Full PDB file with SEQRES, HELIX, SHEET, SSBOND, CRYST1, ORIGX, SCALE, CONECT and MASTER records, all heavy atoms in Angstrom:
SEQRES   1 A   32  GLU ALA TYR GLN THR TYR LEU THR THR LEU PHE GLU LEU          
SEQRES   2 A   32  VAL GLY GLU ASP ASP ALA PHE ALA LYS ALA GLU LYS VAL          
SEQRES   3 A   32  TYR SER ILE GLU LYS GLN                                      
HELIX    1 AA1 ALA A    2  LEU A   13  1                                  12    
HELIX    2 AA2 ALA A   19  LYS A   31  1                                  13    
CRYST1    1.000    1.000    1.000  90.00  90.00  90.00 P 1           1          
ORIGX1      1.000000  0.000000  0.000000        0.00000                         
ORIGX2      0.000000  1.000000  0.000000        0.00000                         
ORIGX3      0.000000  0.000000  1.000000        0.00000                         
SCALE1      1.000000  0.000000  0.000000        0.00000                         
SCALE2      0.000000  1.000000  0.000000        0.00000                         
SCALE3      0.000000  0.000000  1.000000        0.00000                         
ATOM      1  N   GLU A   1     -21.307  10.777  -6.646  1.00  0.00           N  
ATOM      2  CA  GLU A   1     -19.921  10.862  -7.139  1.00  0.00           C  
ATOM      3  C   GLU A   1     -19.052  11.769  -6.264  1.00  0.00           C  
ATOM      4  O   GLU A   1     -17.883  11.406  -5.964  1.00  0.00           O  
ATOM      5  CB  GLU A   1     -19.980  11.432  -8.589  1.00  0.00           C  
ATOM      6  CG  GLU A   1     -18.594  11.528  -9.216  1.00  0.00           C  
ATOM      7  CD  GLU A   1     -18.657  12.066 -10.649  1.00  0.00           C  
ATOM      8  OE1 GLU A   1     -19.776  12.187 -11.180  1.00  0.00           O  
ATOM      9  OE2 GLU A   1     -17.572  12.397 -11.187  1.00  0.00           O  
ATOM     10  N   ALA A   2     -19.627  12.853  -5.810  1.00  0.00           N  
ATOM     11  CA  ALA A   2     -18.871  13.773  -4.942  1.00  0.00           C  
ATOM     12  C   ALA A   2     -18.511  13.094  -3.632  1.00  0.00           C  
ATOM     13  O   ALA A   2     -17.403  13.288  -3.097  1.00  0.00           O  
ATOM     14  CB  ALA A   2     -19.657  15.029  -4.699  1.00  0.00           C  
ATOM     15  N   TYR A   3     -19.430  12.288  -3.093  1.00  0.00           N  
ATOM     16  CA  TYR A   3     -19.185  11.619  -1.857  1.00  0.00           C  
ATOM     17  C   TYR A   3     -18.090  10.562  -1.998  1.00  0.00           C  
ATOM     18  O   TYR A   3     -17.178  10.454  -1.165  1.00  0.00           O  
ATOM     19  CB  TYR A   3     -20.463  10.997  -1.365  1.00  0.00           C  
ATOM     20  CG  TYR A   3     -20.291  10.193  -0.050  1.00  0.00           C  
ATOM     21  CD1 TYR A   3     -19.764  10.815   1.070  1.00  0.00           C  
ATOM     22  CD2 TYR A   3     -20.629   8.848   0.033  1.00  0.00           C  
ATOM     23  CE1 TYR A   3     -19.598  10.115   2.264  1.00  0.00           C  
ATOM     24  CE2 TYR A   3     -20.434   8.156   1.202  1.00  0.00           C  
ATOM     25  CZ  TYR A   3     -19.905   8.806   2.322  1.00  0.00           C  
ATOM     26  OH  TYR A   3     -19.728   8.097   3.483  1.00  0.00           O  
ATOM     27  N   GLN A   4     -18.123   9.812  -3.110  1.00  0.00           N  
ATOM     28  CA  GLN A   4     -17.105   8.848  -3.353  1.00  0.00           C  
ATOM     29  C   GLN A   4     -15.751   9.444  -3.557  1.00  0.00           C  
ATOM     30  O   GLN A   4     -14.732   8.909  -3.159  1.00  0.00           O  
ATOM     31  CB  GLN A   4     -17.537   7.904  -4.483  1.00  0.00           C  
ATOM     32  CG  GLN A   4     -18.750   7.050  -4.135  1.00  0.00           C  
ATOM     33  CD  GLN A   4     -19.169   6.191  -5.317  1.00  0.00           C  
ATOM     34  OE1 GLN A   4     -18.582   5.186  -5.642  1.00  0.00           O  
ATOM     35  NE2 GLN A   4     -20.298   6.574  -5.898  1.00  0.00           N  
ATOM     36  N   THR A   5     -15.758  10.590  -4.224  1.00  0.00           N  
ATOM     37  CA  THR A   5     -14.495  11.373  -4.402  1.00  0.00           C  
ATOM     38  C   THR A   5     -13.946  11.788  -3.021  1.00  0.00           C  
ATOM     39  O   THR A   5     -12.760  11.765  -2.775  1.00  0.00           O  
ATOM     40  CB  THR A   5     -14.743  12.589  -5.293  1.00  0.00           C  
ATOM     41  OG1 THR A   5     -15.151  12.161  -6.577  1.00  0.00           O  
ATOM     42  CG2 THR A   5     -13.445  13.416  -5.428  1.00  0.00           C  
ATOM     43  N   TYR A   6     -14.862  12.218  -2.158  1.00  0.00           N  
ATOM     44  CA  TYR A   6     -14.464  12.642  -0.810  1.00  0.00           C  
ATOM     45  C   TYR A   6     -13.804  11.505  -0.063  1.00  0.00           C  
ATOM     46  O   TYR A   6     -12.746  11.661   0.548  1.00  0.00           O  
ATOM     47  CB  TYR A   6     -15.689  13.125  -0.092  1.00  0.00           C  
ATOM     48  CG  TYR A   6     -15.557  13.354   1.402  1.00  0.00           C  
ATOM     49  CD1 TYR A   6     -14.649  14.316   1.923  1.00  0.00           C  
ATOM     50  CD2 TYR A   6     -16.315  12.636   2.343  1.00  0.00           C  
ATOM     51  CE1 TYR A   6     -14.539  14.553   3.270  1.00  0.00           C  
ATOM     52  CE2 TYR A   6     -16.201  12.860   3.697  1.00  0.00           C  
ATOM     53  CZ  TYR A   6     -15.290  13.784   4.133  1.00  0.00           C  
ATOM     54  OH  TYR A   6     -15.188  14.049   5.517  1.00  0.00           O  
ATOM     55  N   LEU A   7     -14.424  10.287  -0.112  1.00  0.00           N  
ATOM     56  CA  LEU A   7     -13.860   9.167   0.560  1.00  0.00           C  
ATOM     57  C   LEU A   7     -12.460   8.819   0.024  1.00  0.00           C  
ATOM     58  O   LEU A   7     -11.521   8.502   0.735  1.00  0.00           O  
ATOM     59  CB  LEU A   7     -14.751   7.925   0.391  1.00  0.00           C  
ATOM     60  CG  LEU A   7     -16.129   8.022   1.093  1.00  0.00           C  
ATOM     61  CD1 LEU A   7     -16.967   6.803   0.725  1.00  0.00           C  
ATOM     62  CD2 LEU A   7     -16.011   8.125   2.596  1.00  0.00           C  
ATOM     63  N   THR A   8     -12.368   8.907  -1.320  1.00  0.00           N  
ATOM     64  CA  THR A   8     -11.071   8.644  -1.956  1.00  0.00           C  
ATOM     65  C   THR A   8      -9.990   9.616  -1.500  1.00  0.00           C  
ATOM     66  O   THR A   8      -8.871   9.216  -1.162  1.00  0.00           O  
ATOM     67  CB  THR A   8     -11.224   8.741  -3.489  1.00  0.00           C  
ATOM     68  OG1 THR A   8     -12.209   7.819  -3.929  1.00  0.00           O  
ATOM     69  CG2 THR A   8      -9.895   8.483  -4.185  1.00  0.00           C  
ATOM     70  N   THR A   9     -10.378  10.884  -1.411  1.00  0.00           N  
ATOM     71  CA  THR A   9      -9.406  11.905  -0.988  1.00  0.00           C  
ATOM     72  C   THR A   9      -8.960  11.678   0.440  1.00  0.00           C  
ATOM     73  O   THR A   9      -7.779  11.872   0.784  1.00  0.00           O  
ATOM     74  CB  THR A   9     -10.086  13.324  -1.130  1.00  0.00           C  
ATOM     75  OG1 THR A   9     -10.448  13.508  -2.480  1.00  0.00           O  
ATOM     76  CG2 THR A   9      -9.079  14.401  -0.740  1.00  0.00           C  
ATOM     77  N   LEU A  10      -9.911  11.302   1.305  1.00  0.00           N  
ATOM     78  CA  LEU A  10      -9.516  11.019   2.708  1.00  0.00           C  
ATOM     79  C   LEU A  10      -8.479   9.933   2.785  1.00  0.00           C  
ATOM     80  O   LEU A  10      -7.510  10.066   3.556  1.00  0.00           O  
ATOM     81  CB  LEU A  10     -10.771  10.619   3.493  1.00  0.00           C  
ATOM     82  CG  LEU A  10     -11.848  11.714   3.662  1.00  0.00           C  
ATOM     83  CD1 LEU A  10     -12.978  11.183   4.610  1.00  0.00           C  
ATOM     84  CD2 LEU A  10     -11.230  12.976   4.313  1.00  0.00           C  
ATOM     85  N   PHE A  11      -8.693   8.857   2.054  1.00  0.00           N  
ATOM     86  CA  PHE A  11      -7.688   7.791   2.035  1.00  0.00           C  
ATOM     87  C   PHE A  11      -6.332   8.308   1.500  1.00  0.00           C  
ATOM     88  O   PHE A  11      -5.278   7.966   2.060  1.00  0.00           O  
ATOM     89  CB  PHE A  11      -8.162   6.620   1.223  1.00  0.00           C  
ATOM     90  CG  PHE A  11      -9.160   5.708   1.940  1.00  0.00           C  
ATOM     91  CD1 PHE A  11     -10.403   5.470   1.377  1.00  0.00           C  
ATOM     92  CD2 PHE A  11      -8.815   5.148   3.146  1.00  0.00           C  
ATOM     93  CE1 PHE A  11     -11.325   4.644   2.033  1.00  0.00           C  
ATOM     94  CE2 PHE A  11      -9.750   4.326   3.839  1.00  0.00           C  
ATOM     95  CZ  PHE A  11     -10.962   4.050   3.275  1.00  0.00           C  
ATOM     96  N   GLU A  12      -6.356   9.105   0.503  1.00  0.00           N  
ATOM     97  CA  GLU A  12      -5.118   9.619  -0.100  1.00  0.00           C  
ATOM     98  C   GLU A  12      -4.376  10.512   0.914  1.00  0.00           C  
ATOM     99  O   GLU A  12      -3.135  10.439   1.040  1.00  0.00           O  
ATOM    100  CB  GLU A  12      -5.433  10.422  -1.320  1.00  0.00           C  
ATOM    101  CG  GLU A  12      -5.883   9.562  -2.493  1.00  0.00           C  
ATOM    102  CD  GLU A  12      -6.346  10.372  -3.724  1.00  0.00           C  
ATOM    103  OE1 GLU A  12      -6.595  11.601  -3.527  1.00  0.00           O  
ATOM    104  OE2 GLU A  12      -6.444   9.807  -4.829  1.00  0.00           O  
ATOM    105  N   LEU A  13      -5.126  11.306   1.678  1.00  0.00           N  
ATOM    106  CA  LEU A  13      -4.534  12.257   2.589  1.00  0.00           C  
ATOM    107  C   LEU A  13      -3.791  11.541   3.759  1.00  0.00           C  
ATOM    108  O   LEU A  13      -2.894  12.149   4.388  1.00  0.00           O  
ATOM    109  CB  LEU A  13      -5.571  13.204   3.171  1.00  0.00           C  
ATOM    110  CG  LEU A  13      -6.089  14.245   2.176  1.00  0.00           C  
ATOM    111  CD1 LEU A  13      -7.263  15.065   2.760  1.00  0.00           C  
ATOM    112  CD2 LEU A  13      -4.960  15.249   1.783  1.00  0.00           C  
ATOM    113  N   VAL A  14      -4.180  10.317   4.050  1.00  0.00           N  
ATOM    114  CA  VAL A  14      -3.493   9.611   5.144  1.00  0.00           C  
ATOM    115  C   VAL A  14      -2.491   8.535   4.576  1.00  0.00           C  
ATOM    116  O   VAL A  14      -2.028   7.717   5.282  1.00  0.00           O  
ATOM    117  CB  VAL A  14      -4.487   8.878   6.104  1.00  0.00           C  
ATOM    118  CG1 VAL A  14      -5.319   9.929   6.847  1.00  0.00           C  
ATOM    119  CG2 VAL A  14      -5.379   7.886   5.376  1.00  0.00           C  
ATOM    120  N   GLY A  15      -2.247   8.694   3.251  1.00  0.00           N  
ATOM    121  CA  GLY A  15      -1.182   7.881   2.639  1.00  0.00           C  
ATOM    122  C   GLY A  15      -1.560   6.464   2.233  1.00  0.00           C  
ATOM    123  O   GLY A  15      -0.721   5.610   2.037  1.00  0.00           O  
ATOM    124  N   GLU A  16      -2.885   6.203   2.045  1.00  0.00           N  
ATOM    125  CA  GLU A  16      -3.313   4.870   1.635  1.00  0.00           C  
ATOM    126  C   GLU A  16      -3.149   4.684   0.133  1.00  0.00           C  
ATOM    127  O   GLU A  16      -3.417   5.570  -0.652  1.00  0.00           O  
ATOM    128  CB  GLU A  16      -4.803   4.687   2.007  1.00  0.00           C  
ATOM    129  CG  GLU A  16      -5.118   4.663   3.465  1.00  0.00           C  
ATOM    130  CD  GLU A  16      -4.858   3.287   4.073  1.00  0.00           C  
ATOM    131  OE1 GLU A  16      -4.718   2.326   3.307  1.00  0.00           O  
ATOM    132  OE2 GLU A  16      -4.846   3.202   5.299  1.00  0.00           O  
ATOM    133  N   ASP A  17      -2.686   3.492  -0.240  1.00  0.00           N  
ATOM    134  CA  ASP A  17      -2.622   3.130  -1.671  1.00  0.00           C  
ATOM    135  C   ASP A  17      -4.039   2.685  -2.145  1.00  0.00           C  
ATOM    136  O   ASP A  17      -4.861   2.302  -1.332  1.00  0.00           O  
ATOM    137  CB  ASP A  17      -1.617   1.983  -1.847  1.00  0.00           C  
ATOM    138  CG  ASP A  17      -0.192   2.413  -1.512  1.00  0.00           C  
ATOM    139  OD1 ASP A  17       0.142   3.616  -1.705  1.00  0.00           O  
ATOM    140  OD2 ASP A  17       0.557   1.566  -1.028  1.00  0.00           O  
ATOM    141  N   ASP A  18      -4.195   2.719  -3.434  1.00  0.00           N  
ATOM    142  CA  ASP A  18      -5.470   2.240  -4.070  1.00  0.00           C  
ATOM    143  C   ASP A  18      -6.660   2.902  -3.389  1.00  0.00           C  
ATOM    144  O   ASP A  18      -7.657   2.198  -3.019  1.00  0.00           O  
ATOM    145  CB  ASP A  18      -5.566   0.721  -3.959  1.00  0.00           C  
ATOM    146  CG  ASP A  18      -4.438  -0.012  -4.670  1.00  0.00           C  
ATOM    147  OD1 ASP A  18      -4.053   0.443  -5.737  1.00  0.00           O  
ATOM    148  OD2 ASP A  18      -3.955  -1.009  -4.136  1.00  0.00           O  
ATOM    149  N   ALA A  19      -6.592   4.206  -3.217  1.00  0.00           N  
ATOM    150  CA  ALA A  19      -7.590   4.910  -2.465  1.00  0.00           C  
ATOM    151  C   ALA A  19      -8.975   4.802  -3.075  1.00  0.00           C  
ATOM    152  O   ALA A  19      -9.953   4.621  -2.361  1.00  0.00           O  
ATOM    153  CB  ALA A  19      -7.170   6.378  -2.361  1.00  0.00           C  
ATOM    154  N   PHE A  20      -9.088   4.867  -4.418  1.00  0.00           N  
ATOM    155  CA  PHE A  20     -10.372   4.764  -5.090  1.00  0.00           C  
ATOM    156  C   PHE A  20     -11.058   3.434  -4.811  1.00  0.00           C  
ATOM    157  O   PHE A  20     -12.246   3.339  -4.494  1.00  0.00           O  
ATOM    158  CB  PHE A  20     -10.259   5.054  -6.549  1.00  0.00           C  
ATOM    159  CG  PHE A  20     -11.580   4.958  -7.274  1.00  0.00           C  
ATOM    160  CD1 PHE A  20     -12.542   5.994  -7.163  1.00  0.00           C  
ATOM    161  CD2 PHE A  20     -11.887   3.863  -8.063  1.00  0.00           C  
ATOM    162  CE1 PHE A  20     -13.758   5.895  -7.793  1.00  0.00           C  
ATOM    163  CE2 PHE A  20     -13.111   3.756  -8.753  1.00  0.00           C  
ATOM    164  CZ  PHE A  20     -14.046   4.731  -8.581  1.00  0.00           C  
ATOM    165  N   ALA A  21     -10.295   2.340  -4.947  1.00  0.00           N  
ATOM    166  CA  ALA A  21     -10.821   0.999  -4.709  1.00  0.00           C  
ATOM    167  C   ALA A  21     -11.297   0.848  -3.260  1.00  0.00           C  
ATOM    168  O   ALA A  21     -12.319   0.224  -2.960  1.00  0.00           O  
ATOM    169  CB  ALA A  21      -9.748  -0.039  -5.073  1.00  0.00           C  
ATOM    170  N   LYS A  22     -10.536   1.452  -2.335  1.00  0.00           N  
ATOM    171  CA  LYS A  22     -10.946   1.336  -0.933  1.00  0.00           C  
ATOM    172  C   LYS A  22     -12.194   2.141  -0.663  1.00  0.00           C  
ATOM    173  O   LYS A  22     -13.116   1.712   0.070  1.00  0.00           O  
ATOM    174  CB  LYS A  22      -9.792   1.844  -0.050  1.00  0.00           C  
ATOM    175  CG  LYS A  22      -8.598   0.875  -0.087  1.00  0.00           C  
ATOM    176  CD  LYS A  22      -7.423   1.367   0.722  1.00  0.00           C  
ATOM    177  CE  LYS A  22      -6.301   0.351   0.679  1.00  0.00           C  
ATOM    178  NZ  LYS A  22      -5.089   0.808   1.390  1.00  0.00           N  
ATOM    179  N   ALA A  23     -12.310   3.296  -1.318  1.00  0.00           N  
ATOM    180  CA  ALA A  23     -13.536   4.128  -1.195  1.00  0.00           C  
ATOM    181  C   ALA A  23     -14.759   3.341  -1.701  1.00  0.00           C  
ATOM    182  O   ALA A  23     -15.829   3.416  -1.156  1.00  0.00           O  
ATOM    183  CB  ALA A  23     -13.377   5.451  -1.948  1.00  0.00           C  
ATOM    184  N   GLU A  24     -14.581   2.622  -2.819  1.00  0.00           N  
ATOM    185  CA  GLU A  24     -15.642   1.826  -3.385  1.00  0.00           C  
ATOM    186  C   GLU A  24     -16.153   0.757  -2.405  1.00  0.00           C  
ATOM    187  O   GLU A  24     -17.366   0.502  -2.272  1.00  0.00           O  
ATOM    188  CB  GLU A  24     -15.217   1.166  -4.678  1.00  0.00           C  
ATOM    189  CG  GLU A  24     -15.160   2.104  -5.894  1.00  0.00           C  
ATOM    190  CD  GLU A  24     -14.901   1.364  -7.171  1.00  0.00           C  
ATOM    191  OE1 GLU A  24     -14.011   0.477  -7.150  1.00  0.00           O  
ATOM    192  OE2 GLU A  24     -15.588   1.592  -8.145  1.00  0.00           O  
ATOM    193  N   LYS A  25     -15.225   0.168  -1.690  1.00  0.00           N  
ATOM    194  CA  LYS A  25     -15.628  -0.842  -0.707  1.00  0.00           C  
ATOM    195  C   LYS A  25     -16.416  -0.236   0.480  1.00  0.00           C  
ATOM    196  O   LYS A  25     -17.396  -0.784   0.965  1.00  0.00           O  
ATOM    197  CB  LYS A  25     -14.380  -1.603  -0.161  1.00  0.00           C  
ATOM    198  CG  LYS A  25     -13.701  -2.485  -1.236  1.00  0.00           C  
ATOM    199  CD  LYS A  25     -12.526  -3.245  -0.665  1.00  0.00           C  
ATOM    200  CE  LYS A  25     -11.946  -4.150  -1.691  1.00  0.00           C  
ATOM    201  NZ  LYS A  25     -10.763  -4.920  -1.183  1.00  0.00           N  
ATOM    202  N   VAL A  26     -15.999   0.938   0.905  1.00  0.00           N  
ATOM    203  CA  VAL A  26     -16.726   1.627   1.962  1.00  0.00           C  
ATOM    204  C   VAL A  26     -18.113   1.996   1.476  1.00  0.00           C  
ATOM    205  O   VAL A  26     -19.094   1.760   2.192  1.00  0.00           O  
ATOM    206  CB  VAL A  26     -15.961   2.908   2.358  1.00  0.00           C  
ATOM    207  CG1 VAL A  26     -16.774   3.745   3.368  1.00  0.00           C  
ATOM    208  CG2 VAL A  26     -14.585   2.569   2.970  1.00  0.00           C  
ATOM    209  N   TYR A  27     -18.202   2.504   0.285  1.00  0.00           N  
ATOM    210  CA  TYR A  27     -19.510   2.904  -0.279  1.00  0.00           C  
ATOM    211  C   TYR A  27     -20.427   1.694  -0.392  1.00  0.00           C  
ATOM    212  O   TYR A  27     -21.647   1.766  -0.142  1.00  0.00           O  
ATOM    213  CB  TYR A  27     -19.303   3.594  -1.626  1.00  0.00           C  
ATOM    214  CG  TYR A  27     -20.599   4.211  -2.172  1.00  0.00           C  
ATOM    215  CD1 TYR A  27     -21.016   5.445  -1.744  1.00  0.00           C  
ATOM    216  CD2 TYR A  27     -21.334   3.560  -3.160  1.00  0.00           C  
ATOM    217  CE1 TYR A  27     -22.178   6.035  -2.250  1.00  0.00           C  
ATOM    218  CE2 TYR A  27     -22.490   4.081  -3.663  1.00  0.00           C  
ATOM    219  CZ  TYR A  27     -22.943   5.342  -3.211  1.00  0.00           C  
ATOM    220  OH  TYR A  27     -24.067   5.889  -3.712  1.00  0.00           O  
ATOM    221  N   SER A  28     -19.873   0.581  -0.795  1.00  0.00           N  
ATOM    222  CA  SER A  28     -20.620  -0.643  -0.889  1.00  0.00           C  
ATOM    223  C   SER A  28     -21.239  -1.098   0.420  1.00  0.00           C  
ATOM    224  O   SER A  28     -22.381  -1.530   0.471  1.00  0.00           O  
ATOM    225  CB  SER A  28     -19.767  -1.753  -1.513  1.00  0.00           C  
ATOM    226  OG  SER A  28     -20.394  -3.021  -1.525  1.00  0.00           O  
ATOM    227  N   ILE A  29     -20.432  -0.997   1.461  1.00  0.00           N  
ATOM    228  CA  ILE A  29     -20.997  -1.372   2.778  1.00  0.00           C  
ATOM    229  C   ILE A  29     -22.102  -0.450   3.199  1.00  0.00           C  
ATOM    230  O   ILE A  29     -23.154  -0.877   3.694  1.00  0.00           O  
ATOM    231  CB  ILE A  29     -19.804  -1.332   3.858  1.00  0.00           C  
ATOM    232  CG1 ILE A  29     -18.771  -2.444   3.587  1.00  0.00           C  
ATOM    233  CG2 ILE A  29     -20.366  -1.433   5.263  1.00  0.00           C  
ATOM    234  CD1 ILE A  29     -17.577  -2.408   4.479  1.00  0.00           C  
ATOM    235  N   GLU A  30     -21.899   0.855   2.971  1.00  0.00           N  
ATOM    236  CA  GLU A  30     -22.944   1.773   3.317  1.00  0.00           C  
ATOM    237  C   GLU A  30     -24.230   1.491   2.533  1.00  0.00           C  
ATOM    238  O   GLU A  30     -25.372   1.570   3.088  1.00  0.00           O  
ATOM    239  CB  GLU A  30     -22.480   3.229   3.003  1.00  0.00           C  
ATOM    240  CG  GLU A  30     -21.413   3.724   3.963  1.00  0.00           C  
ATOM    241  CD  GLU A  30     -21.100   5.200   3.736  1.00  0.00           C  
ATOM    242  OE1 GLU A  30     -21.854   5.863   3.016  1.00  0.00           O  
ATOM    243  OE2 GLU A  30     -20.080   5.635   4.273  1.00  0.00           O  
ATOM    244  N   LYS A  31     -24.081   1.176   1.281  1.00  0.00           N  
ATOM    245  CA  LYS A  31     -25.283   0.919   0.454  1.00  0.00           C  
ATOM    246  C   LYS A  31     -26.012  -0.313   0.938  1.00  0.00           C  
ATOM    247  O   LYS A  31     -27.265  -0.397   0.961  1.00  0.00           O  
ATOM    248  CB  LYS A  31     -24.891   0.745  -0.979  1.00  0.00           C  
ATOM    249  CG  LYS A  31     -26.093   0.739  -1.960  1.00  0.00           C  
ATOM    250  CD  LYS A  31     -25.619   0.789  -3.387  1.00  0.00           C  
ATOM    251  CE  LYS A  31     -26.793   0.837  -4.368  1.00  0.00           C  
ATOM    252  NZ  LYS A  31     -26.377   0.983  -5.782  1.00  0.00           N  
ATOM    253  N   GLN A  32     -25.281  -1.327   1.398  1.00  0.00           N  
ATOM    254  CA  GLN A  32     -25.904  -2.499   1.959  1.00  0.00           C  
ATOM    255  C   GLN A  32     -26.605  -2.192   3.276  1.00  0.00           C  
ATOM    256  O   GLN A  32     -27.756  -2.700   3.555  1.00  0.00           O  
ATOM    257  CB  GLN A  32     -24.865  -3.617   2.189  1.00  0.00           C  
ATOM    258  CG  GLN A  32     -24.338  -4.166   0.891  1.00  0.00           C  
ATOM    259  CD  GLN A  32     -23.261  -5.225   1.097  1.00  0.00           C  
ATOM    260  OE1 GLN A  32     -23.543  -6.330   1.500  1.00  0.00           O  
ATOM    261  NE2 GLN A  32     -21.974  -4.821   0.886  1.00  0.00           N  
TER     262      GLN A  32                                                      
MASTER        0    0    0    2    0    0    0    6  261    1    0    3          
END                                                                             
C-alpha cells in the first residue's frame, strides 16, 4: 500500500491527472 501511494504521489507531483489509476497500472506491470 505504501509503495502504491508513493507511485500515486509521484504522478501528482508532476501534474498528472488520475494519479491513483495510473499508479495501479504501473503496479500491475511490475507484478506481471
